[in-house]
Protein backbone atom coordinates (compact mmCIF):
# COMPACT_ATOMS: atom_id res chain seq x y z
CA UNK A 1 6.17 0.17 66.59
CA UNK A 2 5.49 -0.48 63.01
CA UNK A 3 7.99 1.90 61.56
CA UNK A 4 10.77 0.58 63.68
CA UNK A 5 9.92 -3.12 62.98
CA UNK A 6 8.66 -3.03 59.49
CA UNK A 7 10.63 -0.69 57.33
CA UNK A 8 8.66 0.47 54.13
CA UNK A 9 5.43 -0.78 55.70
CA UNK A 10 2.57 0.37 53.36
CA UNK A 11 0.45 3.08 54.73
CA UNK A 12 -2.73 1.01 54.86
CA UNK A 13 -1.01 -1.57 57.42
CA UNK A 14 0.89 1.10 59.22
CA UNK A 15 -2.25 3.12 60.03
CA UNK A 16 -4.63 0.12 60.15
CA UNK A 17 -2.59 -1.50 62.88
CA UNK A 18 -1.90 1.79 64.65
CA UNK A 19 -5.41 2.80 64.67
CA UNK A 20 -6.64 -0.70 65.76
CA UNK A 21 -5.13 0.23 69.15
CA UNK A 22 -6.50 3.64 69.49
CA UNK A 23 -9.21 2.00 71.63
CA UNK A 24 -7.71 -1.15 73.24
CA UNK A 25 -7.24 -3.25 76.30
CA UNK A 26 -5.89 -6.43 77.52
CA UNK A 27 -7.33 -9.80 76.72
CA UNK A 28 -5.54 -13.00 77.81
CA UNK A 29 -2.35 -11.05 78.45
CA UNK A 30 -2.36 -9.49 74.97
CA UNK A 31 -3.34 -6.10 73.71
CA UNK A 32 -6.66 -6.17 71.84
CA UNK A 33 -8.32 -3.59 69.79
CA UNK A 34 -11.88 -2.63 70.38
CA UNK A 35 -14.45 -1.20 67.97
CA UNK A 36 -14.03 2.72 68.15
CA UNK A 37 -15.20 5.98 66.62
CA UNK A 38 -14.06 5.25 63.22
CA UNK A 39 -16.83 2.55 62.91
CA UNK A 40 -19.87 4.80 62.00
CA UNK A 41 -18.23 6.62 59.25
CA UNK A 42 -16.97 3.35 57.70
CA UNK A 43 -20.45 1.78 57.90
CA UNK A 44 -21.90 4.84 56.20
CA UNK A 45 -19.21 4.54 53.40
CA UNK A 46 -20.17 0.79 52.99
CA UNK A 47 -23.87 1.64 52.76
CA UNK A 48 -23.16 4.17 50.22
CA UNK A 49 -20.89 1.99 48.20
CA UNK A 50 -17.77 4.25 48.78
CA UNK A 51 -15.33 1.62 49.94
CA UNK A 52 -12.49 0.63 47.71
CA UNK A 53 -11.56 -2.90 46.78
CA UNK A 54 -8.80 -4.22 49.09
CA UNK A 55 -6.41 -4.47 46.08
CA UNK A 56 -7.00 -0.71 45.59
CA UNK A 57 -6.72 0.14 49.23
CA UNK A 58 -3.52 -1.92 49.79
CA UNK A 59 -1.89 -0.53 46.75
CA UNK A 60 -2.24 3.10 47.65
CA UNK A 61 1.01 5.03 48.16
CA UNK A 62 1.19 7.43 51.03
CA UNK A 63 0.11 10.55 49.12
CA UNK A 64 -3.02 8.82 47.96
CA UNK A 65 -3.80 7.14 51.25
CA UNK A 66 -3.54 10.30 53.31
CA UNK A 67 -5.10 12.65 50.74
CA UNK A 68 -7.91 10.72 48.85
CA UNK A 69 -10.78 9.85 51.27
CA UNK A 70 -8.51 9.60 54.27
CA UNK A 71 -11.24 8.84 56.77
CA UNK A 72 -12.58 5.91 54.85
CA UNK A 73 -9.11 4.75 54.12
CA UNK A 74 -8.17 4.65 57.81
CA UNK A 75 -11.48 2.97 58.80
CA UNK A 76 -11.22 0.26 56.09
CA UNK A 77 -7.57 -0.43 57.07
CA UNK A 78 -8.35 -0.49 60.75
CA UNK A 79 -11.44 -2.85 60.31
CA UNK A 80 -9.56 -5.18 58.07
CA UNK A 81 -7.06 -5.49 60.89
CA UNK A 82 -9.91 -5.87 63.45
CA UNK A 83 -11.40 -8.62 61.28
CA UNK A 84 -8.11 -10.51 61.21
CA UNK A 85 -7.75 -9.96 65.03
CA UNK A 86 -11.28 -11.32 65.66
CA UNK A 87 -10.57 -14.34 63.65
CA UNK A 88 -7.16 -14.99 65.17
CA UNK A 89 -5.33 -14.26 62.02
CA UNK A 90 -3.60 -10.87 62.75
CA UNK A 91 -0.36 -12.17 64.21
CA UNK A 92 -0.16 -14.85 61.33
CA UNK A 93 -0.79 -12.14 58.71
CA UNK A 94 1.85 -9.87 60.26
CA UNK A 95 4.57 -12.44 60.38
CA UNK A 96 3.86 -13.79 56.92
CA UNK A 97 3.60 -10.26 55.49
CA UNK A 98 7.03 -9.20 56.98
CA UNK A 99 8.46 -12.47 55.67
CA UNK A 100 7.03 -12.07 52.23
CA UNK A 101 7.56 -8.29 51.96
CA UNK A 102 10.20 -8.43 49.13
CA UNK A 103 7.58 -10.29 46.92
CA UNK A 104 4.35 -8.89 48.11
CA UNK A 105 4.92 -5.15 48.71
CA UNK A 106 1.31 -4.36 49.34
CA UNK A 107 0.39 -7.51 51.39
CA UNK A 108 -2.61 -8.43 49.03
CA UNK A 109 -1.43 -11.86 48.18
CA UNK A 110 -0.44 -12.53 51.87
CA UNK A 111 -3.96 -11.47 52.80
CA UNK A 112 -5.51 -13.91 50.28
CA UNK A 113 -3.35 -16.63 51.50
CA UNK A 114 -3.87 -16.03 55.23
CA UNK A 115 -7.67 -15.85 54.59
CA UNK A 116 -7.58 -18.81 52.36
CA UNK A 117 -9.65 -16.92 49.71
CA UNK A 118 -9.36 -16.61 46.09
CA UNK A 119 -12.38 -14.37 45.37
CA UNK A 120 -11.62 -11.09 47.00
CA UNK A 121 -15.00 -9.49 45.81
CA UNK A 122 -16.79 -12.14 47.64
CA UNK A 123 -14.51 -11.67 50.73
CA UNK A 124 -15.18 -7.98 50.72
CA UNK A 125 -18.93 -8.60 50.88
CA UNK A 126 -18.38 -10.90 53.73
CA UNK A 127 -16.17 -8.28 55.38
CA UNK A 128 -18.73 -5.53 54.82
CA UNK A 129 -21.47 -7.67 56.34
CA UNK A 130 -19.12 -8.22 59.35
CA UNK A 131 -18.46 -4.40 59.67
CA UNK A 132 -22.13 -3.57 59.41
CA UNK A 133 -22.98 -5.95 62.24
CA UNK A 134 -20.51 -4.28 64.65
CA UNK A 135 -21.32 -1.74 67.35
CA UNK A 136 -19.09 0.62 69.24
CA UNK A 137 -18.13 -1.04 72.55
CA UNK A 138 -15.87 -3.72 74.03
CA UNK A 139 -16.36 -6.97 72.37
CA UNK A 140 -13.57 -9.37 73.28
CA UNK A 141 -14.75 -12.46 71.60
CA UNK A 142 -11.88 -13.92 69.46
CA UNK A 143 -12.68 -16.92 67.13
């Protein structure tokens, strides 16, 4: 889907969105990603302080994304998409990112705008707390 509809999509978003739907179902007539097997590894990486800044993650080229700490890169990308989904922002992010792709190749500026945050270090702490509070299962609460 992503490759067909979003040429030159960066690996973090291609794999983040794809892996979001590895374990999914339907909520209100729409596909919805649930927590999955990637969660415990990501939680361990967060606790160990081994998760990249979002700016670094989003700027990785394919070689670096797939070869340098691949499991954490997938998990972080997936659970960033999950966070956006749970906040009702994933569709907005996707649309704005596609429209701004020429000026924002990584999606980082679009993410900041959609989240309405300026301090991404503070956001990362918020996101990490969110991820550490998750459990594997089928939470369908969307805010």
